[in-house]
Amino acid sequence: MNGLHDLSYFFGGVFLANAIPHFVSGTMGRPFQSPFAHPPGQGLSSSTINVVWSFVNFVAAYLLILCVGQFDMRDAPSMISLALGALLISLVAAKQFGRFNGGNLQG
């Protein structure tokens, strides 16, 4: 396995996981934080902006996962790379957006 392919799958996982909250919020008609809000990543963007942003993320994930190398879901290193990218961005997003949406509970 080529290390650059693993890196591509890692970032494909990042884009794939990042697309999900924007897609869900947008299709539910709810505003959500995005890079296009003011201030970026903190203010709310419209549901339409979030749907478009999720589409951009899905396209980037597709290009990085399926158009680089020979991605195979049965290949453990490929899936681990993708899963680690998705996990990392998900943890960062949970911490970042939890500040605004009540998800960072003090225990």
PDB file of N, CA and C in Angstrom:
ATOM      1  N   MET A   1       0.848  -1.185   0.000  1.00  0.00           N
ATOM      2  CA  MET A   1       0.000   0.000   0.000  1.00  0.00           C
ATOM      3  C   MET A   1       0.884   1.234   0.000  1.00  0.00           C
ATOM      4  N   ASN A   2       0.551   2.152  -0.860  1.00  0.00           N
ATOM      5  CA  ASN A   2       1.268   3.396  -0.996  1.00  0.00           C
ATOM      6  C   ASN A   2       0.875   4.347   0.148  1.00  0.00           C
ATOM      7  N   GLY A   3       1.863   4.936   0.785  1.00  0.00           N
ATOM      8  CA  GLY A   3       1.604   5.863   1.884  1.00  0.00           C
ATOM      9  C   GLY A   3       0.785   7.069   1.461  1.00  0.00           C
ATOM     10  N   LEU A   4       0.971   7.531   0.232  1.00  0.00           N
ATOM     11  CA  LEU A   4       0.174   8.660  -0.259  1.00  0.00           C
ATOM     12  C   LEU A   4      -1.292   8.261  -0.443  1.00  0.00           C
ATOM     13  N   HIS A   5      -1.528   7.005  -0.785  1.00  0.00           N
ATOM     14  CA  HIS A   5      -2.907   6.535  -0.889  1.00  0.00           C
ATOM     15  C   HIS A   5      -3.556   6.544   0.496  1.00  0.00           C
ATOM     16  N   ASP A   6      -2.824   6.070   1.492  1.00  0.00           N
ATOM     17  CA  ASP A   6      -3.351   6.084   2.862  1.00  0.00           C
ATOM     18  C   ASP A   6      -3.660   7.505   3.314  1.00  0.00           C
ATOM     19  N   LEU A   7      -2.797   8.440   2.984  1.00  0.00           N
ATOM     20  CA  LEU A   7      -3.022   9.843   3.335  1.00  0.00           C
ATOM     21  C   LEU A   7      -4.269  10.370   2.626  1.00  0.00           C
ATOM     22  N   SER A   8      -4.443   9.997   1.380  1.00  0.00           N
ATOM     23  CA  SER A   8      -5.631  10.403   0.627  1.00  0.00           C
ATOM     24  C   SER A   8      -6.894   9.825   1.265  1.00  0.00           C
ATOM     25  N   TYR A   9      -6.858   8.572   1.685  1.00  0.00           N
ATOM     26  CA  TYR A   9      -8.017   7.947   2.318  1.00  0.00           C
ATOM     27  C   TYR A   9      -8.300   8.582   3.675  1.00  0.00           C
ATOM     28  N   PHE A  10      -7.244   8.951   4.391  1.00  0.00           N
ATOM     29  CA  PHE A  10      -7.405   9.649   5.674  1.00  0.00           C
ATOM     30  C   PHE A  10      -8.189  10.944   5.458  1.00  0.00           C
ATOM     31  N   PHE A  11      -7.759  11.757   4.505  1.00  0.00           N
ATOM     32  CA  PHE A  11      -8.446  13.021   4.260  1.00  0.00           C
ATOM     33  C   PHE A  11      -9.811  12.797   3.609  1.00  0.00           C
ATOM     34  N   GLY A  12      -9.965  11.709   2.875  1.00  0.00           N
ATOM     35  CA  GLY A  12     -11.285  11.351   2.375  1.00  0.00           C
ATOM     36  C   GLY A  12     -12.251  11.096   3.526  1.00  0.00           C
ATOM     37  N   GLY A  13     -11.759  10.418   4.568  1.00  0.00           N
ATOM     38  CA  GLY A  13     -12.568  10.193   5.767  1.00  0.00           C
ATOM     39  C   GLY A  13     -12.910  11.492   6.471  1.00  0.00           C
ATOM     40  N   VAL A  14     -11.955  12.432   6.482  1.00  0.00           N
ATOM     41  CA  VAL A  14     -12.207  13.742   7.088  1.00  0.00           C
ATOM     42  C   VAL A  14     -13.356  14.439   6.353  1.00  0.00           C
ATOM     43  N   PHE A  15     -13.263  14.502   5.038  1.00  0.00           N
ATOM     44  CA  PHE A  15     -14.304  15.179   4.258  1.00  0.00           C
ATOM     45  C   PHE A  15     -15.648  14.451   4.354  1.00  0.00           C
ATOM     46  N   LEU A  16     -15.611  13.125   4.359  1.00  0.00           N
ATOM     47  CA  LEU A  16     -16.843  12.353   4.456  1.00  0.00           C
ATOM     48  C   LEU A  16     -17.561  12.619   5.777  1.00  0.00           C
ATOM     49  N   ALA A  17     -16.825  12.560   6.871  1.00  0.00           N
ATOM     50  CA  ALA A  17     -17.431  12.798   8.184  1.00  0.00           C
ATOM     51  C   ALA A  17     -17.878  14.251   8.330  1.00  0.00           C
ATOM     52  N   ASN A  18     -17.140  15.189   7.748  1.00  0.00           N
ATOM     53  CA  ASN A  18     -17.518  16.596   7.845  1.00  0.00           C
ATOM     54  C   ASN A  18     -18.788  16.886   7.048  1.00  0.00           C
ATOM     55  N   ALA A  19     -19.041  16.129   6.005  1.00  0.00           N
ATOM     56  CA  ALA A  19     -20.232  16.355   5.182  1.00  0.00           C
ATOM     57  C   ALA A  19     -21.516  16.034   5.945  1.00  0.00           C
ATOM     58  N   ILE A  20     -21.458  15.079   6.841  1.00  0.00           N
ATOM     59  CA  ILE A  20     -22.677  14.562   7.472  1.00  0.00           C
ATOM     60  C   ILE A  20     -23.426  15.604   8.296  1.00  0.00           C
ATOM     61  N   PRO A  21     -22.812  16.310   9.252  1.00  0.00           N
ATOM     62  CA  PRO A  21     -23.607  17.268  10.039  1.00  0.00           C
ATOM     63  C   PRO A  21     -24.148  18.425   9.200  1.00  0.00           C
ATOM     64  N   HIS A  22     -23.394  18.843   8.185  1.00  0.00           N
ATOM     65  CA  HIS A  22     -23.871  19.926   7.325  1.00  0.00           C
ATOM     66  C   HIS A  22     -25.060  19.453   6.488  1.00  0.00           C
ATOM     67  N   PHE A  23     -24.988  18.212   5.986  1.00  0.00           N
ATOM     68  CA  PHE A  23     -26.081  17.654   5.194  1.00  0.00           C
ATOM     69  C   PHE A  23     -27.339  17.492   6.045  1.00  0.00           C
ATOM     70  N   VAL A  24     -27.180  16.910   7.227  1.00  0.00           N
ATOM     71  CA  VAL A  24     -28.335  16.670   8.106  1.00  0.00           C
ATOM     72  C   VAL A  24     -28.967  17.988   8.525  1.00  0.00           C
ATOM     73  N   SER A  25     -28.157  18.929   8.985  1.00  0.00           N
ATOM     74  CA  SER A  25     -28.707  20.225   9.407  1.00  0.00           C
ATOM     75  C   SER A  25     -29.389  20.934   8.247  1.00  0.00           C
ATOM     76  N   GLY A  26     -28.731  20.928   7.099  1.00  0.00           N
ATOM     77  CA  GLY A  26     -29.289  21.613   5.944  1.00  0.00           C
ATOM     78  C   GLY A  26     -30.590  21.012   5.471  1.00  0.00           C
ATOM     79  N   THR A  27     -30.650  19.695   5.382  1.00  0.00           N
ATOM     80  CA  THR A  27     -31.871  19.057   4.896  1.00  0.00           C
ATOM     81  C   THR A  27     -33.004  19.136   5.913  1.00  0.00           C
ATOM     82  N   MET A  28     -32.665  19.369   7.178  1.00  0.00           N
ATOM     83  CA  MET A  28     -33.692  19.582   8.201  1.00  0.00           C
ATOM     84  C   MET A  28     -34.141  21.046   8.237  1.00  0.00           C
ATOM     85  N   GLY A  29     -33.481  21.879   7.424  1.00  0.00           N
ATOM     86  CA  GLY A  29     -33.849  23.289   7.390  1.00  0.00           C
ATOM     87  C   GLY A  29     -33.313  24.084   8.556  1.00  0.00           C
ATOM     88  N   ARG A  30     -32.272  23.577   9.189  1.00  0.00           N
ATOM     89  CA  ARG A  30     -31.695  24.240  10.368  1.00  0.00           C
ATOM     90  C   ARG A  30     -30.378  24.919  10.021  1.00  0.00           C
ATOM     91  N   PRO A  31     -30.142  26.095  10.580  1.00  0.00           N
ATOM     92  CA  PRO A  31     -28.835  26.724  10.391  1.00  0.00           C
ATOM     93  C   PRO A  31     -27.776  25.956  11.176  1.00  0.00           C
ATOM     94  N   PHE A  32     -26.538  26.066  10.745  1.00  0.00           N
ATOM     95  CA  PHE A  32     -25.431  25.374  11.411  1.00  0.00           C
ATOM     96  C   PHE A  32     -24.148  26.134  11.115  1.00  0.00           C
ATOM     97  N   GLN A  33     -23.158  25.980  11.969  1.00  0.00           N
ATOM     98  CA  GLN A  33     -21.878  26.636  11.775  1.00  0.00           C
ATOM     99  C   GLN A  33     -21.225  26.141  10.484  1.00  0.00           C
ATOM    100  N   SER A  34     -20.572  27.052   9.787  1.00  0.00           N
ATOM    101  CA  SER A  34     -19.823  26.671   8.589  1.00  0.00           C
ATOM    102  C   SER A  34     -18.682  27.656   8.388  1.00  0.00           C
ATOM    103  N   PRO A  35     -17.767  27.348   7.479  1.00  0.00           N
ATOM    104  CA  PRO A  35     -16.667  28.272   7.197  1.00  0.00           C
ATOM    105  C   PRO A  35     -17.131  29.583   6.573  1.00  0.00           C
ATOM    106  N   PHE A  36     -18.375  29.654   6.125  1.00  0.00           N
ATOM    107  CA  PHE A  36     -18.881  30.843   5.443  1.00  0.00           C
ATOM    108  C   PHE A  36     -19.652  31.768   6.365  1.00  0.00           C
ATOM    109  N   ALA A  37     -19.805  31.382   7.622  1.00  0.00           N
ATOM    110  CA  ALA A  37     -20.522  32.202   8.594  1.00  0.00           C
ATOM    111  C   ALA A  37     -19.614  33.318   9.100  1.00  0.00           C
ATOM    112  N   HIS A  38     -20.206  34.233   9.843  1.00  0.00           N
ATOM    113  CA  HIS A  38     -19.425  35.322  10.447  1.00  0.00           C
ATOM    114  C   HIS A  38     -19.598  35.252  11.951  1.00  0.00           C
ATOM    115  N   PRO A  39     -18.536  35.040  12.706  1.00  0.00           N
ATOM    116  CA  PRO A  39     -17.187  34.663  12.288  1.00  0.00           C
ATOM    117  C   PRO A  39     -17.156  33.220  11.790  1.00  0.00           C
ATOM    118  N   PRO A  40     -16.215  32.917  10.899  1.00  0.00           N
ATOM    119  CA  PRO A  40     -16.137  31.580  10.301  1.00  0.00           C
ATOM    120  C   PRO A  40     -16.057  30.467  11.351  1.00  0.00           C
ATOM    121  N   GLY A  41     -16.887  29.445  11.178  1.00  0.00           N
ATOM    122  CA  GLY A  41     -16.880  28.304  12.087  1.00  0.00           C
ATOM    123  C   GLY A  41     -17.581  28.543  13.402  1.00  0.00           C
ATOM    124  N   GLN A  42     -18.060  29.770  13.623  1.00  0.00           N
ATOM    125  CA  GLN A  42     -18.747  30.071  14.882  1.00  0.00           C
ATOM    126  C   GLN A  42     -20.170  30.557  14.657  1.00  0.00           C
ATOM    127  N   GLY A  43     -20.337  31.451  13.695  1.00  0.00           N
ATOM    128  CA  GLY A  43     -21.668  31.936  13.381  1.00  0.00           C
ATOM    129  C   GLY A  43     -22.444  30.873  12.614  1.00  0.00           C
ATOM    130  N   LEU A  44     -23.726  31.134  12.435  1.00  0.00           N
ATOM    131  CA  LEU A  44     -24.586  30.175  11.742  1.00  0.00           C
ATOM    132  C   LEU A  44     -24.714  30.524  10.262  1.00  0.00           C
ATOM    133  N   SER A  45     -24.730  29.493   9.441  1.00  0.00           N
ATOM    134  CA  SER A  45     -25.003  29.638   8.020  1.00  0.00           C
ATOM    135  C   SER A  45     -26.377  29.052   7.733  1.00  0.00           C
ATOM    136  N   SER A  46     -26.979  29.506   6.657  1.00  0.00           N
ATOM    137  CA  SER A  46     -28.313  29.023   6.308  1.00  0.00           C
ATOM    138  C   SER A  46     -28.294  27.531   5.983  1.00  0.00           C
ATOM    139  N   SER A  47     -29.478  26.960   5.976  1.00  0.00           N
ATOM    140  CA  SER A  47     -29.589  25.541   5.637  1.00  0.00           C
ATOM    141  C   SER A  47     -29.140  25.297   4.197  1.00  0.00           C
ATOM    142  N   THR A  48     -29.405  26.230   3.311  1.00  0.00           N
ATOM    143  CA  THR A  48     -28.989  26.075   1.914  1.00  0.00           C
ATOM    144  C   THR A  48     -27.475  26.054   1.792  1.00  0.00           C
ATOM    145  N   ILE A  49     -26.813  26.967   2.475  1.00  0.00           N
ATOM    146  CA  ILE A  49     -25.338  26.993   2.462  1.00  0.00           C
ATOM    147  C   ILE A  49     -24.800  25.676   2.992  1.00  0.00           C
ATOM    148  N   ASN A  50     -25.414  25.134   4.030  1.00  0.00           N
ATOM    149  CA  ASN A  50     -24.939  23.871   4.604  1.00  0.00           C
ATOM    150  C   ASN A  50     -25.136  22.696   3.657  1.00  0.00           C
ATOM    151  N   VAL A  51     -26.216  22.682   2.896  1.00  0.00           N
ATOM    152  CA  VAL A  51     -26.409  21.609   1.916  1.00  0.00           C
ATOM    153  C   VAL A  51     -25.342  21.702   0.825  1.00  0.00           C
ATOM    154  N   VAL A  52     -25.081  22.916   0.348  1.00  0.00           N
ATOM    155  CA  VAL A  52     -24.045  23.096  -0.682  1.00  0.00           C
ATOM    156  C   VAL A  52     -22.680  22.700  -0.130  1.00  0.00           C
ATOM    157  N   TRP A  53     -22.373  23.108   1.100  1.00  0.00           N
ATOM    158  CA  TRP A  53     -21.081  22.770   1.715  1.00  0.00           C
ATOM    159  C   TRP A  53     -20.954  21.256   1.896  1.00  0.00           C
ATOM    160  N   SER A  54     -22.037  20.586   2.265  1.00  0.00           N
ATOM    161  CA  SER A  54     -21.971  19.130   2.411  1.00  0.00           C
ATOM    162  C   SER A  54     -21.711  18.479   1.057  1.00  0.00           C
ATOM    163  N   PHE A  55     -22.316  19.007  -0.001  1.00  0.00           N
ATOM    164  CA  PHE A  55     -22.092  18.458  -1.340  1.00  0.00           C
ATOM    165  C   PHE A  55     -20.623  18.592  -1.737  1.00  0.00           C
ATOM    166  N   VAL A  56     -20.032  19.741  -1.460  1.00  0.00           N
ATOM    167  CA  VAL A  56     -18.603  19.949  -1.752  1.00  0.00           C
ATOM    168  C   VAL A  56     -17.755  18.937  -0.983  1.00  0.00           C
ATOM    169  N   ASN A  57     -18.106  18.701   0.272  1.00  0.00           N
ATOM    170  CA  ASN A  57     -17.373  17.728   1.089  1.00  0.00           C
ATOM    171  C   ASN A  57     -17.549  16.309   0.561  1.00  0.00           C
ATOM    172  N   PHE A  58     -18.762  15.954   0.127  1.00  0.00           N
ATOM    173  CA  PHE A  58     -18.993  14.622  -0.441  1.00  0.00           C
ATOM    174  C   PHE A  58     -18.190  14.421  -1.719  1.00  0.00           C
ATOM    175  N   VAL A  59     -18.127  15.446  -2.551  1.00  0.00           N
ATOM    176  CA  VAL A  59     -17.349  15.351  -3.797  1.00  0.00           C
ATOM    177  C   VAL A  59     -15.865  15.185  -3.476  1.00  0.00           C
ATOM    178  N   ALA A  60     -15.359  15.974  -2.520  1.00  0.00           N
ATOM    179  CA  ALA A  60     -13.952  15.854  -2.131  1.00  0.00           C
ATOM    180  C   ALA A  60     -13.664  14.455  -1.585  1.00  0.00           C
ATOM    181  N   ALA A  61     -14.580  13.923  -0.757  1.00  0.00           N
ATOM    182  CA  ALA A  61     -14.402  12.571  -0.216  1.00  0.00           C
ATOM    183  C   ALA A  61     -14.375  11.541  -1.342  1.00  0.00           C
ATOM    184  N   TYR A  62     -15.288  11.670  -2.282  1.00  0.00           N
ATOM    185  CA  TYR A  62     -15.329  10.749  -3.422  1.00  0.00           C
ATOM    186  C   TYR A  62     -14.002  10.766  -4.179  1.00  0.00           C
ATOM    187  N   LEU A  63     -13.528  11.964  -4.483  1.00  0.00           N
ATOM    188  CA  LEU A  63     -12.286  12.079  -5.247  1.00  0.00           C
ATOM    189  C   LEU A  63     -11.095  11.492  -4.493  1.00  0.00           C
ATOM    190  N   LEU A  64     -11.034  11.756  -3.192  1.00  0.00           N
ATOM    191  CA  LEU A  64      -9.896  11.282  -2.401  1.00  0.00           C
ATOM    192  C   LEU A  64      -9.948   9.782  -2.101  1.00  0.00           C
ATOM    193  N   ILE A  65     -11.143   9.232  -2.013  1.00  0.00           N
ATOM    194  CA  ILE A  65     -11.275   7.814  -1.656  1.00  0.00           C
ATOM    195  C   ILE A  65     -11.314   6.918  -2.894  1.00  0.00           C
ATOM    196  N   LEU A  66     -12.128   7.264  -3.843  1.00  0.00           N
ATOM    197  CA  LEU A  66     -12.368   6.351  -4.960  1.00  0.00           C
ATOM    198  C   LEU A  66     -11.565   6.650  -6.215  1.00  0.00           C
ATOM    199  N   CYS A  67     -10.963   7.807  -6.288  1.00  0.00           N
ATOM    200  CA  CYS A  67     -10.198   8.155  -7.494  1.00  0.00           C
ATOM    201  C   CYS A  67      -8.692   8.106  -7.270  1.00  0.00           C
ATOM    202  N   VAL A  68      -8.272   7.673  -6.107  1.00  0.00           N
ATOM    203  CA  VAL A  68      -6.843   7.551  -5.799  1.00  0.00           C
ATOM    204  C   VAL A  68      -6.562   6.097  -5.448  1.00  0.00           C
ATOM    205  N   GLY A  69      -5.638   5.503  -6.122  1.00  0.00           N
ATOM    206  CA  GLY A  69      -5.269   4.119  -5.838  1.00  0.00           C
ATOM    207  C   GLY A  69      -6.408   3.166  -6.129  1.00  0.00           C
ATOM    208  N   GLN A  70      -6.419   2.065  -5.424  1.00  0.00           N
ATOM    209  CA  GLN A  70      -7.439   1.028  -5.572  1.00  0.00           C
ATOM    210  C   GLN A  70      -8.088   0.795  -4.216  1.00  0.00           C
ATOM    211  N   PHE A  71      -8.950   1.724  -3.777  1.00  0.00           N
ATOM    212  CA  PHE A  71      -9.569   1.602  -2.464  1.00  0.00           C
ATOM    213  C   PHE A  71     -10.419   0.341  -2.399  1.00  0.00           C
ATOM    214  N   ASP A  72     -10.221  -0.427  -1.328  1.00  0.00           N
ATOM    215  CA  ASP A  72     -10.967  -1.664  -1.109  1.00  0.00           C
ATOM    216  C   ASP A  72     -11.381  -1.696   0.355  1.00  0.00           C
ATOM    217  N   MET A  73     -12.681  -1.763   0.594  1.00  0.00           N
ATOM    218  CA  MET A  73     -13.178  -1.771   1.970  1.00  0.00           C
ATOM    219  C   MET A  73     -12.710  -2.993   2.746  1.00  0.00           C
ATOM    220  N   ARG A  74     -12.280  -4.033   2.061  1.00  0.00           N
ATOM    221  CA  ARG A  74     -11.792  -5.239   2.733  1.00  0.00           C
ATOM    222  C   ARG A  74     -10.313  -5.148   3.068  1.00  0.00           C
ATOM    223  N   ASP A  75      -9.656  -4.073   2.629  1.00  0.00           N
ATOM    224  CA  ASP A  75      -8.238  -3.864   2.908  1.00  0.00           C
ATOM    225  C   ASP A  75      -8.110  -3.068   4.205  1.00  0.00           C
ATOM    226  N   ALA A  76      -7.621  -3.719   5.251  1.00  0.00           N
ATOM    227  CA  ALA A  76      -7.570  -3.103   6.577  1.00  0.00           C
ATOM    228  C   ALA A  76      -6.809  -1.775   6.595  1.00  0.00           C
ATOM    229  N   PRO A  77      -5.615  -1.663   6.025  1.00  0.00           N
ATOM    230  CA  PRO A  77      -4.916  -0.372   6.082  1.00  0.00           C
ATOM    231  C   PRO A  77      -5.702   0.774   5.434  1.00  0.00           C
ATOM    232  N   SER A  78      -6.384   0.495   4.344  1.00  0.00           N
ATOM    233  CA  SER A  78      -7.192   1.530   3.689  1.00  0.00           C
ATOM    234  C   SER A  78      -8.343   1.965   4.594  1.00  0.00           C
ATOM    235  N   MET A  79      -9.029   1.009   5.169  1.00  0.00           N
ATOM    236  CA  MET A  79     -10.164   1.326   6.035  1.00  0.00           C
ATOM    237  C   MET A  79      -9.722   1.994   7.329  1.00  0.00           C
ATOM    238  N   ILE A  80      -8.584   1.577   7.857  1.00  0.00           N
ATOM    239  CA  ILE A  80      -8.072   2.219   9.075  1.00  0.00           C
ATOM    240  C   ILE A  80      -7.729   3.674   8.801  1.00  0.00           C
ATOM    241  N   SER A  81      -7.108   3.946   7.675  1.00  0.00           N
ATOM    242  CA  SER A  81      -6.786   5.328   7.311  1.00  0.00           C
ATOM    243  C   SER A  81      -8.046   6.169   7.208  1.00  0.00           C
ATOM    244  N   LEU A  82      -9.042   5.654   6.490  1.00  0.00           N
ATOM    245  CA  LEU A  82     -10.298   6.380   6.333  1.00  0.00           C
ATOM    246  C   LEU A  82     -10.977   6.584   7.686  1.00  0.00           C
ATOM    247  N   ALA A  83     -11.047   5.533   8.480  1.00  0.00           N
ATOM    248  CA  ALA A  83     -11.717   5.604   9.775  1.00  0.00           C
ATOM    249  C   ALA A  83     -11.012   6.560  10.735  1.00  0.00           C
ATOM    250  N   LEU A  84      -9.691   6.576  10.718  1.00  0.00           N
ATOM    251  CA  LEU A  84      -8.960   7.500  11.592  1.00  0.00           C
ATOM    252  C   LEU A  84      -9.217   8.954  11.203  1.00  0.00           C
ATOM    253  N   GLY A  85      -9.283   9.231   9.903  1.00  0.00           N
ATOM    254  CA  GLY A  85      -9.606  10.582   9.453  1.00  0.00           C
ATOM    255  C   GLY A  85     -11.000  10.992   9.898  1.00  0.00           C
ATOM    256  N   ALA A  86     -11.960  10.089   9.731  1.00  0.00           N
ATOM    257  CA  ALA A  86     -13.338  10.368  10.132  1.00  0.00           C
ATOM    258  C   ALA A  86     -13.433  10.557  11.648  1.00  0.00           C
ATOM    259  N   LEU A  87     -12.742   9.702  12.404  1.00  0.00           N
ATOM    260  CA  LEU A  87     -12.769   9.811  13.859  1.00  0.00           C
ATOM    261  C   LEU A  87     -12.147  11.116  14.335  1.00  0.00           C
ATOM    262  N   LEU A  88     -11.003  11.459  13.782  1.00  0.00           N
ATOM    263  CA  LEU A  88     -10.312  12.679  14.211  1.00  0.00           C
ATOM    264  C   LEU A  88     -11.169  13.916  13.971  1.00  0.00           C
ATOM    265  N   ILE A  89     -11.709  14.087  12.774  1.00  0.00           N
ATOM    266  CA  ILE A  89     -12.517  15.276  12.500  1.00  0.00           C
ATOM    267  C   ILE A  89     -13.806  15.261  13.322  1.00  0.00           C
ATOM    268  N   SER A  90     -14.340  14.075  13.584  1.00  0.00           N
ATOM    269  CA  SER A  90     -15.557  13.982  14.388  1.00  0.00           C
ATOM    270  C   SER A  90     -15.305  14.422  15.822  1.00  0.00           C
ATOM    271  N   LEU A  91     -14.171  14.027  16.386  1.00  0.00           N
ATOM    272  CA  LEU A  91     -13.836  14.463  17.740  1.00  0.00           C
ATOM    273  C   LEU A  91     -13.588  15.960  17.798  1.00  0.00           C
ATOM    274  N   VAL A  92     -12.895  16.495  16.805  1.00  0.00           N
ATOM    275  CA  VAL A  92     -12.647  17.942  16.745  1.00  0.00           C
ATOM    276  C   VAL A  92     -13.970  18.694  16.598  1.00  0.00           C
ATOM    277  N   ALA A  93     -14.841  18.200  15.719  1.00  0.00           N
ATOM    278  CA  ALA A  93     -16.132  18.852  15.509  1.00  0.00           C
ATOM    279  C   ALA A  93     -17.000  18.780  16.767  1.00  0.00           C
ATOM    280  N   ALA A  94     -16.989  17.654  17.455  1.00  0.00           N
ATOM    281  CA  ALA A  94     -17.775  17.522  18.687  1.00  0.00           C
ATOM    282  C   ALA A  94     -17.334  18.549  19.722  1.00  0.00           C
ATOM    283  N   LYS A  95     -16.047  18.726  19.853  1.00  0.00           N
ATOM    284  CA  LYS A  95     -15.516  19.705  20.808  1.00  0.00           C
ATOM    285  C   LYS A  95     -15.841  21.134  20.356  1.00  0.00           C
ATOM    286  N   GLN A  96     -15.588  21.420  19.075  1.00  0.00           N
ATOM    287  CA  GLN A  96     -15.804  22.767  18.541  1.00  0.00           C
ATOM    288  C   GLN A  96     -17.278  23.166  18.580  1.00  0.00           C
ATOM    289  N   PHE A  97     -18.138  22.334  18.004  1.00  0.00           N
ATOM    290  CA  PHE A  97     -19.541  22.690  17.895  1.00  0.00           C
ATOM    291  C   PHE A  97     -20.304  22.468  19.195  1.00  0.00           C
ATOM    292  N   GLY A  98     -19.762  21.639  20.083  1.00  0.00           N
ATOM    293  CA  GLY A  98     -20.371  21.440  21.387  1.00  0.00           C
ATOM    294  C   GLY A  98     -20.432  22.723  22.195  1.00  0.00           C
ATOM    295  N   ARG A  99     -19.473  23.616  21.954  1.00  0.00           N
ATOM    296  CA  ARG A  99     -19.487  24.917  22.650  1.00  0.00           C
ATOM    297  C   ARG A  99     -20.737  25.718  22.304  1.00  0.00           C
ATOM    298  N   PHE A 100     -21.226  25.569  21.080  1.00  0.00           N
ATOM    299  CA  PHE A 100     -22.342  26.358  20.602  1.00  0.00           C
ATOM    300  C   PHE A 100     -23.688  25.650  20.730  1.00  0.00           C
ATOM    301  N   ASN A 101     -23.659  24.341  20.773  1.00  0.00           N
ATOM    302  CA  ASN A 101     -24.904  23.561  20.738  1.00  0.00           C
ATOM    303  C   ASN A 101     -25.163  22.776  22.012  1.00  0.00           C
ATOM    304  N   GLY A 102     -24.442  23.049  23.068  1.00  0.00           N
ATOM    305  CA  GLY A 102     -24.706  22.415  24.366  1.00  0.00           C
ATOM    306  C   GLY A 102     -24.172  21.014  24.509  1.00  0.00           C
ATOM    307  N   GLY A 103     -23.236  20.603  23.672  1.00  0.00           N
ATOM    308  CA  GLY A 103     -22.739  19.228  23.737  1.00  0.00           C
ATOM    309  C   GLY A 103     -21.563  19.022  24.661  1.00  0.00           C
ATOM    310  N   ASN A 104     -20.945  20.089  25.154  1.00  0.00           N
ATOM    311  CA  ASN A 104     -19.783  19.951  26.039  1.00  0.00           C
ATOM    312  C   ASN A 104     -20.246  20.064  27.489  1.00  0.00           C
ATOM    313  N   LEU A 105     -20.833  19.004  27.996  1.00  0.00           N
ATOM    314  CA  LEU A 105     -21.336  18.987  29.370  1.00  0.00           C
ATOM    315  C   LEU A 105     -20.185  18.828  30.346  1.00  0.00           C
ATOM    316  N   GLN A 106     -20.295  19.503  31.446  1.00  0.00           N
ATOM    317  CA  GLN A 106     -19.282  19.375  32.504  1.00  0.00           C
ATOM    318  C   GLN A 106     -19.734  18.263  33.436  1.00  0.00           C
ATOM    319  N   GLY A 107     -18.885  17.275  33.638  1.00  0.00           N
ATOM    320  CA  GLY A 107     -19.278  16.114  34.424  1.00  0.00           C
ATOM    321  C   GLY A 107     -18.608  16.111  35.695  1.00  0.00           C
TER     322      GLY A 107
END
